[in-house]
């Protein structure tokens, strides 16, 4: 089979690999669609692991299953996640399955930017769902990223009736805007430095947008009759963006660090000036446990949160390098999907 082997953001090669063999509790999945995630292009995070096949936002078809696999048939359309928790450890019992050791170790093989992947038994059992007939393979690739967004907003407190600021209007930020709108946030301010993304943020539900080069806190106040934001969602890694986010937080507010920052970045604010006396909470979220994956699939299937309008590029496996370029240097791209078997 063919795979897109990652060496760097500028070096993704089409190579041959054997089709994975499967065990009695495993599934061989033909990959029909695989989205490029912002984390896929975090070069500093991948450098020590290369070469490898990336891609974890996947959907496809069961082409082979082990004799002990229950609940799935050959030919069925499925969406799966690469990370699944154990539901038994201390972290899972305390309501934090996203930081479970099992979740951080599990993965399918070799990666979504390939024609076929092997789903280990734990992924089949806890991280694989059937795709309803009214959802395309391309739309199904949003189950994992939307699940991550739902997880983050649930941890930070559902934004119903709240003043929300989304910092960074890339794919993650735009999904957060759509989710906050679904949860009936009072206002949603979105920031970015790219006019195209700001236009999309407005289109997808932001009540107000601001160029991140301007005074974001002042804009938030103006948009909310003198009040700062109660829920700030950071979907940008630049230190300046993080500082703007914190400075835009109302007393008693919550700051959700959703996206990774650049290597070695720190919070660039004064603890005494910003946090002391203000009761501001900073928290982070990571991954999407099965509960949020199921919820994401439901919301997409019921058209509660539309995702089809976010897809700007569909590429063949041989064009994966082009896809990475579109994500690294976005011009008029939002969601880039690789279709390995086209």
Foldseek 3Di string as FASTA:
>chain_A
DWFFWDQALQDTAIDDDDQDDAEQLKFKWFWFKFWDDLVNHLRVVCNVPPGAGETFLTKGFTQDHHNPHPDDDGGFIKTFGQFAFPCPDPCNVVPRRQPHPRRVPGGWPRYNRARIIMHDNVRSVFTMDTADPVDDRHNSSCLWLLLQLVQLCVVQDQQAQFFEEEEDQFQSSLSNQLSNVLSHHPAYEYEEQAPLSQVSSVVNHHPYYDYLVDQLLVVQCVVVVRAAGQEYEYPAADLSSLQSRLSRHAQLHEYEDEHHHRPPDDNPDDCCVRPPPRNYHYDYTGTGYSVSSVVSSVCPSVVSGDDPVQADEEEESNCVSVVSVCSVDPRNHHMYMYGHPD
